[in-house]
Each structure stands twice: as C-alpha cells, then as structure tokens.
Amino acid sequence: MLALMTDGALGGDGAASLSVIFVGGPTAVLELGGLRLLTDPTFDEPGDYPLGGGRSLVKTESAPFGVEDIGPIDAVLLSHDQHPDNLDRRGRDLLARVPVVLTTAAAVDRLGGVTRNQPAWESTELARPDGGSLRITWVPAQHGPDGSLHLVGEVTGFVLSGDGVPTVYVSGDNASLDVVAQVADRFAPVDVAVLFAGAARTALLGDANLTLDSDDAAEAARRLAAAHVLPLHFRGWTHFTQGPDTLRESFARAGLADRLTLLEPGQSVRLPV
C-alpha cells in the first residue's frame, strides 16, 4: 500500500484532517475519517487519447505510481466517465475492484457494476472504521459555458461531511461560478475545496473554459470561505491553458495565497482543520 509522505504535512495531529496523495491530473487519494477515496482514476501513459470525430486529448505526464501501488480504496468519486482525462483504461479496470463508485446517472447507465448515483443535493453515507459515517452529497457541476451540456455531457461534484471530519468540496470538471455559489449557499464555509482548475479548452468550444480558470478558482475559494484550497486537474494534458504559476498569481492577487496548496504528482499533504 502506498504510504503518505510526511514532507508536505502542514501540522496537526490528524484527528480532524484531510490527507491527500496527488497522483496527477484529476486523480488523488483523499483520506479522512479512516476512509480512502479516489477521485477520477487516470493511470495510463502519456499519448493521444481519442474523443471521437477525429478529435483527441494529449496526455503529457506519467502517473508517479500505478494502480497496484494505490492500496485499498473504499469508494471512487467519479465526476464523469465520458472523457479519457477523467477516466482512462487503467482507471476503468480499477472500478471493478472497489466497493462502490459514486458518479453521474449517465455513467451508471454506461458502466453498470458497482456505480451509484443520487440526484443533486441528495446524499449517501459510508460507514467509518470509528463507528461514525461519512456523508457524501452529490452537487452540480457544469463542464463548460451555459448551453454546452449536450456537447460535453453530464458531470457531478461532491461534498464530503460528517461528525469529526472536515467538510470537503470536490468540484469535478466545473467551469461555473454560479454552480460554486449554489454549493456555497448550502455548505460554506468549507474546510477544504478541491478545485479542478487549469482553464481547460478544446476545439469543441473554442475559447470557452471547460474548467475553472485561475482567477475563478480564487473567487470560488472566497465564495466557499475555504480554509484550504487544493487544485487538481491543472497539469499533465495539453488542453490546459493555465497551470501552477497562474494559480499562484491569482490567489496572491486575491489575498488568498496562504490558503493555496499546490502539489507535484506523487506528493502528499495533510491539511489540518
């Protein structure tokens, strides 16, 4: 089992904390309340990944470790299954070996198996080793500008919460601050915002962002009153138009630099709350 490195720990005793191992792209292991959750599994090698219609996405970075190194996973949080930068071949293989996959209704129809869905704002609970439970709430996500759903497909985000654990927002591939505002209305302040950033763009929608740009990520952090912000999905693919440098600049301009944690693939951190 992959062990969390301690180099990036921010302090605290771990009693009320989120520990994160960043695999790369949208993929990370989240440890809280004694449970291990995996976001959007991507482990394939760099290369071209077809989207259909003669289009493809280009991956530029290898994962620092493989599926076999991740160790036991209690649940997968899959924002969507229709794009190879969020679920690749090795990621699909992994889904057959986990207890449950929480995802969209469309993904349940396509993937079957242990996939589960709830409507936005509805929840499920996972039993924790300490006898408590972790509540996982489906929340909206919009993978592009207004009116693009028929082109990009259904996406979901999640909020994790429960007694004695931090409240964690996992945005999924969301480009809309209006969606963030809806989440903030119900859950702010959150302890940790895991924001899919990178200002992703493809020829399908031209100059429109498919995920948050860096300024919007900082604004999302402000609206959520997030104590910690951990960006994912901002590197490793050529369709990202922004990255670590723009995130640092945007959070500094917003006066939120102290809330931002940027990890390199393979790094880990414990975020105390």
Protein backbone atom coordinates (compact mmCIF):
# COMPACT_ATOMS: atom_id res chain seq x y z
CA MET A 1 0.00 0.00 0.00
CA LEU A 2 1.21 3.46 -0.88
CA ALA A 3 2.24 5.35 2.25
CA LEU A 4 1.56 9.04 2.71
CA MET A 5 4.75 11.08 2.62
CA THR A 6 5.12 13.46 5.53
CA ASP A 7 7.24 16.11 3.81
CA GLY A 8 4.22 18.16 2.85
CA ALA A 9 2.32 17.91 6.11
CA LEU A 10 1.09 21.25 7.41
CA GLY A 11 0.96 20.18 11.03
CA GLY A 12 -1.79 18.94 13.30
CA ASP A 13 -2.29 15.51 14.77
CA GLY A 14 -4.54 14.16 12.02
CA ALA A 15 -7.57 13.81 14.30
CA ALA A 16 -9.56 16.23 12.14
CA SER A 17 -7.70 16.47 8.87
CA LEU A 18 -7.73 15.58 5.20
CA SER A 19 -4.71 13.73 3.87
CA VAL A 20 -4.17 13.80 0.12
CA ILE A 21 -1.91 11.91 -2.25
CA PHE A 22 -1.79 13.66 -5.63
CA VAL A 23 -1.46 11.13 -8.45
CA GLY A 24 -1.75 13.66 -11.28
CA GLY A 25 -4.44 15.17 -13.48
CA PRO A 26 -7.78 14.81 -11.66
CA THR A 27 -6.61 11.81 -9.65
CA ALA A 28 -5.92 11.91 -5.92
CA VAL A 29 -6.38 9.71 -2.88
CA LEU A 30 -8.34 11.51 -0.15
CA GLU A 31 -8.07 10.08 3.36
CA LEU A 32 -10.49 11.26 6.04
CA GLY A 33 -12.38 9.62 8.86
CA GLY A 34 -10.41 6.42 8.30
CA LEU A 35 -11.70 6.05 4.73
CA ARG A 36 -9.72 6.23 1.46
CA LEU A 37 -11.48 7.81 -1.51
CA LEU A 38 -10.09 8.08 -5.06
CA THR A 39 -11.05 10.88 -7.43
CA ASP A 40 -11.35 10.39 -11.23
CA PRO A 41 -8.93 7.46 -11.81
CA THR A 42 -6.33 8.11 -14.55
CA PHE A 43 -3.18 5.96 -14.72
CA ASP A 44 -2.47 5.48 -18.45
CA GLU A 45 0.77 6.53 -20.09
CA PRO A 46 1.26 9.81 -22.00
CA GLY A 47 -0.08 9.88 -25.55
CA ASP A 48 -3.07 10.74 -27.71
CA TYR A 49 -6.49 9.72 -26.41
CA PRO A 50 -9.34 9.81 -28.96
CA LEU A 51 -12.58 11.64 -28.22
CA GLY A 52 -14.32 10.66 -31.44
CA GLY A 53 -14.99 12.76 -34.50
CA GLY A 54 -11.28 12.94 -35.27
CA ARG A 55 -10.58 14.79 -32.00
CA SER A 56 -8.24 13.68 -29.23
CA LEU A 57 -6.73 14.81 -25.94
CA VAL A 58 -2.97 14.63 -25.41
CA LYS A 59 -1.54 13.47 -22.09
CA THR A 60 2.00 14.68 -21.34
CA GLU A 61 2.83 13.28 -17.87
CA SER A 62 3.04 9.76 -16.47
CA ALA A 63 1.47 8.88 -13.13
CA PRO A 64 4.23 8.54 -10.49
CA PHE A 65 2.82 5.18 -9.43
CA GLY A 66 0.41 2.60 -10.78
CA VAL A 67 -2.98 1.25 -9.80
CA GLU A 68 -1.29 -1.58 -7.92
CA ASP A 69 0.51 0.94 -5.68
CA ILE A 70 -2.58 2.80 -4.51
CA GLY A 71 -3.71 0.28 -1.93
CA PRO A 72 -7.29 -0.37 -0.81
CA ILE A 73 -9.93 2.18 -1.83
CA ASP A 74 -13.28 2.47 -0.05
CA ALA A 75 -15.01 4.46 -2.80
CA VAL A 76 -14.30 6.21 -6.08
CA LEU A 77 -15.64 9.72 -6.64
CA LEU A 78 -16.04 9.79 -10.43
CA SER A 79 -17.10 13.20 -11.73
CA HIS A 80 -17.84 11.71 -15.18
CA ASP A 81 -16.82 8.81 -17.37
CA GLN A 82 -17.07 10.18 -20.93
CA HIS A 83 -13.65 11.85 -21.22
CA PRO A 84 -10.32 9.98 -21.13
CA ASP A 85 -8.64 12.65 -18.98
CA ASN A 86 -11.08 11.79 -16.18
CA LEU A 87 -11.40 8.03 -16.62
CA ASP A 88 -8.87 6.09 -18.70
CA ARG A 89 -8.37 2.41 -19.49
CA ARG A 90 -6.50 1.50 -16.31
CA GLY A 91 -8.93 3.59 -14.31
CA ARG A 92 -11.83 1.61 -15.77
CA ASP A 93 -10.12 -1.62 -14.79
CA LEU A 94 -9.78 -0.32 -11.23
CA LEU A 95 -13.54 0.32 -10.94
CA ALA A 96 -14.19 -3.43 -10.92
CA ARG A 97 -12.04 -3.82 -7.80
CA VAL A 98 -13.57 -1.19 -5.49
CA PRO A 99 -16.68 -1.49 -3.29
CA VAL A 100 -18.59 1.45 -4.79
CA VAL A 101 -18.25 4.14 -7.46
CA LEU A 102 -20.24 7.34 -6.94
CA THR A 103 -20.89 9.17 -10.19
CA THR A 104 -23.46 10.59 -12.64
CA ALA A 105 -26.68 8.92 -13.75
CA ALA A 106 -25.32 8.73 -17.30
CA ALA A 107 -22.15 6.98 -16.08
CA VAL A 108 -24.25 4.45 -14.14
CA ASP A 109 -26.10 3.62 -17.37
CA ARG A 110 -22.85 3.18 -19.28
CA LEU A 111 -20.68 1.49 -16.66
CA GLY A 112 -23.08 -0.54 -14.51
CA GLY A 113 -21.42 -2.69 -11.86
CA VAL A 114 -20.90 -1.01 -8.51
CA THR A 115 -21.65 2.51 -9.79
CA ARG A 116 -24.22 4.52 -7.84
CA ASN A 117 -25.96 7.86 -8.37
CA GLN A 118 -28.16 10.27 -6.48
CA PRO A 119 -29.77 13.49 -7.74
CA ALA A 120 -28.01 16.76 -6.93
CA TRP A 121 -28.18 17.64 -3.22
CA GLU A 122 -29.01 14.05 -2.24
CA SER A 123 -26.55 12.00 -0.16
CA THR A 124 -25.29 8.56 0.67
CA GLU A 125 -23.33 7.50 3.75
CA LEU A 126 -20.24 5.32 4.08
CA ALA A 127 -19.52 3.59 7.37
CA ARG A 128 -16.28 4.77 9.02
CA PRO A 129 -13.95 2.49 10.99
CA ASP A 130 -14.57 4.57 14.13
CA GLY A 131 -18.28 3.77 14.06
CA GLY A 132 -19.36 7.08 12.54
CA SER A 133 -20.29 7.74 8.94
CA LEU A 134 -19.09 9.90 6.09
CA ARG A 135 -21.85 11.69 4.24
CA ILE A 136 -21.25 12.19 0.51
CA THR A 137 -23.56 14.64 -1.20
CA TRP A 138 -23.86 14.96 -4.98
CA VAL A 139 -23.66 18.61 -6.06
CA PRO A 140 -24.00 20.22 -9.50
CA ALA A 141 -21.12 20.76 -11.92
CA GLN A 142 -21.13 22.45 -15.32
CA HIS A 143 -18.37 21.31 -17.69
CA GLY A 144 -18.35 24.43 -19.88
CA PRO A 145 -20.41 27.54 -20.61
CA ASP A 146 -24.18 27.75 -20.35
CA GLY A 147 -25.87 25.64 -23.00
CA SER A 148 -22.98 23.20 -23.53
CA LEU A 149 -24.41 20.19 -21.71
CA HIS A 150 -25.39 18.42 -24.94
CA LEU A 151 -21.78 18.73 -26.15
CA VAL A 152 -19.77 17.92 -23.02
CA GLY A 153 -22.11 15.59 -21.14
CA GLU A 154 -23.19 15.22 -17.53
CA VAL A 155 -20.73 15.91 -14.68
CA THR A 156 -21.10 15.90 -10.91
CA GLY A 157 -19.25 17.28 -7.91
CA PHE A 158 -19.35 16.07 -4.31
CA VAL A 159 -19.33 17.41 -0.76
CA LEU A 160 -17.92 15.18 1.98
CA SER A 161 -19.02 15.81 5.57
CA GLY A 162 -19.70 14.20 8.92
CA ASP A 163 -19.13 14.46 12.66
CA GLY A 164 -15.45 14.89 13.47
CA VAL A 165 -14.27 15.15 9.87
CA PRO A 166 -13.63 18.19 7.68
CA THR A 167 -16.16 19.38 5.13
CA VAL A 168 -14.59 18.89 1.71
CA TYR A 169 -15.92 20.14 -1.64
CA VAL A 170 -14.71 18.21 -4.71
CA SER A 171 -15.73 20.28 -7.72
CA GLY A 172 -15.28 17.83 -10.58
CA ASP A 173 -14.89 19.41 -14.01
CA ASN A 174 -16.85 22.58 -13.30
CA ALA A 175 -16.41 25.92 -15.07
CA SER A 176 -19.28 27.85 -13.48
CA LEU A 177 -19.02 30.24 -10.54
CA ASP A 178 -22.82 30.19 -10.40
CA VAL A 179 -22.59 26.50 -9.56
CA VAL A 180 -19.98 27.27 -6.89
CA ALA A 181 -22.35 29.86 -5.43
CA GLN A 182 -25.08 27.21 -5.15
CA VAL A 183 -22.71 24.93 -3.27
CA ALA A 184 -21.56 27.80 -1.06
CA ASP A 185 -25.16 28.70 -0.18
CA ARG A 186 -25.65 25.25 1.29
CA PHE A 187 -22.23 24.32 2.67
CA ALA A 188 -19.98 27.37 3.21
CA PRO A 189 -17.68 27.66 4.98
CA VAL A 190 -15.91 24.52 3.80
CA ASP A 191 -12.68 23.27 5.31
CA VAL A 192 -11.10 22.16 2.03
CA ALA A 193 -12.02 22.99 -1.56
CA VAL A 194 -10.61 20.50 -4.08
CA LEU A 195 -10.97 22.51 -7.27
CA PHE A 196 -10.48 21.15 -10.78
CA ALA A 197 -8.74 24.09 -12.43
CA GLY A 198 -6.46 24.59 -15.46
CA ALA A 199 -8.87 26.55 -17.70
CA ALA A 200 -9.23 23.54 -19.98
CA ARG A 201 -10.13 24.32 -23.59
CA THR A 202 -10.73 22.20 -26.68
CA ALA A 203 -11.69 22.93 -30.27
CA LEU A 204 -15.22 21.77 -29.48
CA LEU A 205 -15.99 25.00 -27.59
CA GLY A 206 -13.24 27.33 -28.84
CA ASP A 207 -12.17 29.89 -26.25
CA ALA A 208 -14.71 28.77 -23.64
CA ASN A 209 -13.30 27.25 -20.47
CA LEU A 210 -14.29 23.70 -19.58
CA THR A 211 -12.91 24.02 -16.03
CA LEU A 212 -12.23 26.95 -13.72
CA ASP A 213 -9.52 29.38 -14.71
CA SER A 214 -7.13 30.57 -12.01
CA ASP A 215 -8.98 33.80 -11.22
CA ASP A 216 -12.26 31.89 -10.93
CA ALA A 217 -10.61 29.31 -8.68
CA ALA A 218 -9.57 32.11 -6.33
CA GLU A 219 -13.07 33.56 -6.45
CA ALA A 220 -14.52 30.11 -5.78
CA ALA A 221 -12.29 29.85 -2.72
CA ARG A 222 -13.57 33.22 -1.49
CA ARG A 223 -17.23 32.31 -2.03
CA LEU A 224 -16.79 28.97 -0.29
CA ALA A 225 -14.83 30.61 2.56
CA ALA A 226 -12.46 27.67 2.16
CA ALA A 227 -9.73 27.34 4.78
CA HIS A 228 -7.62 25.29 2.34
CA VAL A 229 -7.69 25.05 -1.46
CA LEU A 230 -6.15 22.09 -3.24
CA PRO A 231 -6.29 22.33 -7.05
CA LEU A 232 -6.41 19.20 -9.21
CA HIS A 233 -6.53 18.74 -12.98
CA PHE A 234 -4.31 21.71 -13.89
CA ARG A 235 -1.35 19.90 -15.44
CA GLY A 236 -0.40 16.84 -17.47
CA TRP A 237 -2.58 17.46 -20.54
CA THR A 238 -2.13 19.90 -23.43
CA HIS A 239 -5.70 21.24 -23.27
CA PHE A 240 -4.96 23.06 -20.01
CA THR A 241 -4.28 26.72 -20.78
CA GLN A 242 -3.28 27.68 -17.23
CA GLY A 243 -1.27 26.00 -14.51
CA PRO A 244 0.65 26.37 -11.24
CA ASP A 245 2.09 29.81 -11.98
CA THR A 246 -1.27 31.39 -12.82
CA LEU A 247 -2.87 29.77 -9.77
CA ARG A 248 -0.20 31.27 -7.50
CA GLU A 249 -0.60 34.69 -9.15
CA SER A 250 -4.40 34.68 -8.93
CA PHE A 251 -4.51 33.59 -5.29
CA ALA A 252 -1.86 36.19 -4.39
CA ARG A 253 -3.86 38.96 -6.09
CA ALA A 254 -6.97 37.84 -4.21
CA GLY A 255 -5.09 37.87 -0.88
CA LEU A 256 -5.62 34.11 -0.53
CA ALA A 257 -2.10 32.81 -1.11
CA ASP A 258 -1.96 31.31 2.37
CA ARG A 259 -4.94 29.05 1.58
CA LEU A 260 -3.45 27.54 -1.58
CA THR A 261 -1.66 24.18 -1.60
CA LEU A 262 -0.11 23.06 -4.91
CA LEU A 263 1.25 19.54 -5.12
CA GLU A 264 3.51 17.85 -7.64
CA PRO A 265 2.44 14.38 -8.83
CA GLY A 266 3.48 11.88 -6.19
CA GLN A 267 3.47 14.41 -3.35
CA SER A 268 1.15 14.25 -0.36
CA VAL A 269 -0.08 16.62 2.29
CA ARG A 270 -2.15 16.63 5.47
CA LEU A 271 -4.47 19.61 5.76
CA PRO A 272 -5.49 20.11 9.41
CA VAL A 273 -8.76 21.84 10.17
